[in-house]
């Protein structure tokens, strides 16, 4: 199934961290995925872009998405690799959501908005981010 997933939320809510963890899940040997493209660093500490072949689908992940120009670049990246499933960060409202909505219409692809959830307990942020990354992965497993 072709789909675009927009992970939205306020700044510093963990969108980038969650999508970086999703990349790590795909990079894990046991995932069965094949990395086609990766632009980031070893620890996924910066905005990254990645393409994987997984279950006969091309999966694109971009972690940046707080600005309209970044989202346009992400859409160009997804186009270039003709992705079947795409994950990207976006703001809660405004032009970044508009860019993603227009891209979904152009591609005639389902657009799913997922709110970035996070714990009110500061010591459980990492667990929450990993849990949500696993939930995102399960959408295509």
Protein backbone atom coordinates (compact mmCIF):
# COMPACT_ATOMS: atom_id res chain seq x y z
CA UNK A 1 0.00 0.00 0.00
CA UNK A 2 1.36 3.41 -0.96
CA UNK A 3 1.26 5.98 1.80
CA UNK A 4 2.82 9.10 3.20
CA UNK A 5 3.07 9.44 6.97
CA UNK A 6 3.41 12.93 8.38
CA UNK A 7 4.66 12.80 11.96
CA UNK A 8 3.57 16.13 13.37
CA UNK A 9 4.04 17.97 16.61
CA UNK A 10 5.49 21.00 18.25
CA UNK A 11 9.19 21.82 18.12
CA UNK A 12 11.33 19.64 20.38
CA UNK A 13 8.59 17.04 20.81
CA UNK A 14 10.82 14.22 19.53
CA UNK A 15 9.79 13.94 15.87
CA UNK A 16 13.36 13.83 14.57
CA UNK A 17 14.48 11.45 17.31
CA UNK A 18 11.58 9.10 16.60
CA UNK A 19 12.27 9.06 12.85
CA UNK A 20 16.00 8.54 13.51
CA UNK A 21 15.03 5.53 15.64
CA UNK A 22 12.87 4.28 12.77
CA UNK A 23 15.94 4.49 10.52
CA UNK A 24 17.92 2.48 13.09
CA UNK A 25 15.18 -0.17 13.13
CA UNK A 26 15.51 -0.51 9.36
CA UNK A 27 19.32 -0.54 9.61
CA UNK A 28 19.25 -3.43 12.09
CA UNK A 29 20.46 -6.62 10.46
CA UNK A 30 17.40 -8.58 11.56
CA UNK A 31 14.98 -6.15 9.85
CA UNK A 32 15.52 -7.80 6.49
CA UNK A 33 15.72 -4.42 4.77
CA UNK A 34 18.34 -3.31 2.27
CA UNK A 35 19.70 0.21 2.58
CA UNK A 36 19.72 1.93 -0.81
CA UNK A 37 20.67 5.42 0.35
CA UNK A 38 21.67 6.99 3.65
CA UNK A 39 22.69 10.56 4.39
CA UNK A 40 23.34 11.13 8.05
CA UNK A 41 25.90 10.30 10.65
CA UNK A 42 26.67 7.13 12.57
CA UNK A 43 24.61 8.11 15.59
CA UNK A 44 21.68 9.62 13.66
CA UNK A 45 22.13 12.81 15.70
CA UNK A 46 21.30 15.17 12.83
CA UNK A 47 18.56 15.38 10.25
CA UNK A 48 18.90 12.32 8.07
CA UNK A 49 17.49 10.96 4.83
CA UNK A 50 17.31 7.26 4.09
CA UNK A 51 15.89 4.88 1.52
CA UNK A 52 15.33 1.18 2.16
CA UNK A 53 13.97 -1.75 0.21
CA UNK A 54 11.68 -3.62 2.58
CA UNK A 55 9.03 -6.24 1.80
CA UNK A 56 9.25 -5.40 -1.92
CA UNK A 57 8.58 -1.73 -1.26
CA UNK A 58 10.76 1.36 -1.39
CA UNK A 59 10.64 3.14 1.97
CA UNK A 60 11.77 6.76 2.32
CA UNK A 61 12.44 8.47 5.65
CA UNK A 62 13.36 12.10 6.20
CA UNK A 63 13.75 13.47 9.70
CA UNK A 64 13.71 17.20 9.01
CA UNK A 65 10.43 18.95 8.37
CA UNK A 66 10.02 22.07 10.46
CA UNK A 67 10.33 24.41 7.47
CA UNK A 68 8.50 24.62 4.15
CA UNK A 69 11.73 24.55 2.11
CA UNK A 70 12.87 21.40 3.94
CA UNK A 71 9.56 19.66 3.26
CA UNK A 72 9.79 20.56 -0.44
CA UNK A 73 13.28 19.02 -0.52
CA UNK A 74 11.92 15.92 1.22
CA UNK A 75 9.18 15.57 -1.41
CA UNK A 76 11.78 15.89 -4.19
CA UNK A 77 13.83 13.18 -2.45
CA UNK A 78 10.81 10.86 -2.29
CA UNK A 79 10.06 11.55 -5.97
CA UNK A 80 13.64 10.79 -7.00
CA UNK A 81 13.50 7.32 -5.43
CA UNK A 82 9.85 6.72 -6.39
CA UNK A 83 9.03 5.73 -2.82
CA UNK A 84 6.04 3.57 -2.00
CA UNK A 85 5.98 4.47 1.70
CA UNK A 86 7.27 7.79 3.01
CA UNK A 87 7.81 9.05 6.55
CA UNK A 88 8.63 12.67 7.33
CA UNK A 89 8.41 15.16 10.16
CA UNK A 90 6.14 18.17 9.88
CA UNK A 91 4.82 20.95 12.04
CA UNK A 92 1.40 20.77 13.66
CA UNK A 93 -0.12 23.32 11.25
CA UNK A 94 0.83 25.70 8.46
CA UNK A 95 2.82 25.56 5.27
CA UNK A 96 4.67 22.30 5.99
CA UNK A 97 1.36 20.46 6.23
CA UNK A 98 0.18 22.16 3.03
CA UNK A 99 3.29 21.00 1.16
CA UNK A 100 2.73 17.41 2.27
CA UNK A 101 -0.99 17.52 1.45
CA UNK A 102 -0.25 18.81 -2.06
CA UNK A 103 2.42 16.16 -2.56
CA UNK A 104 0.01 13.39 -1.54
CA UNK A 105 -2.59 14.69 -3.98
CA UNK A 106 0.01 14.88 -6.76
CA UNK A 107 1.09 11.28 -6.10
CA UNK A 108 -2.48 10.07 -5.54
CA UNK A 109 -1.18 8.55 -2.34
CA UNK A 110 -2.86 8.13 1.03
CA UNK A 111 -1.68 10.69 3.58
CA UNK A 112 -1.75 9.65 7.23
CA UNK A 113 -1.18 12.22 9.95
CA UNK A 114 0.27 10.89 13.18
CA UNK A 115 0.71 13.07 16.21
CA UNK A 116 4.06 12.79 17.96
CA UNK A 117 3.26 11.64 21.43
CA UNK A 118 5.61 12.10 24.31
CA UNK A 119 5.67 11.32 27.96
CA UNK A 120 5.20 13.88 30.66
CA UNK A 121 7.93 11.94 32.47
CA UNK A 122 11.26 13.29 31.26
CA UNK A 123 13.04 10.05 32.14
CA UNK A 124 10.87 8.04 29.72
CA UNK A 125 11.30 10.09 26.52
CA UNK A 126 13.65 7.55 24.94
CA UNK A 127 11.24 4.68 25.57
CA UNK A 128 8.32 6.68 24.18
CA UNK A 129 10.25 7.60 21.03
CA UNK A 130 11.29 3.98 20.44
CA UNK A 131 7.74 2.77 21.06
CA UNK A 132 6.39 5.21 18.49
CA UNK A 133 9.14 4.29 15.98
CA UNK A 134 8.13 0.62 16.33
CA UNK A 135 4.49 1.60 15.79
CA UNK A 136 5.48 3.40 12.58
CA UNK A 137 7.38 0.33 11.40
CA UNK A 138 4.38 -1.87 12.11
CA UNK A 139 2.34 0.18 9.66
CA UNK A 140 4.20 -1.54 6.82
CA UNK A 141 5.15 -4.89 8.32
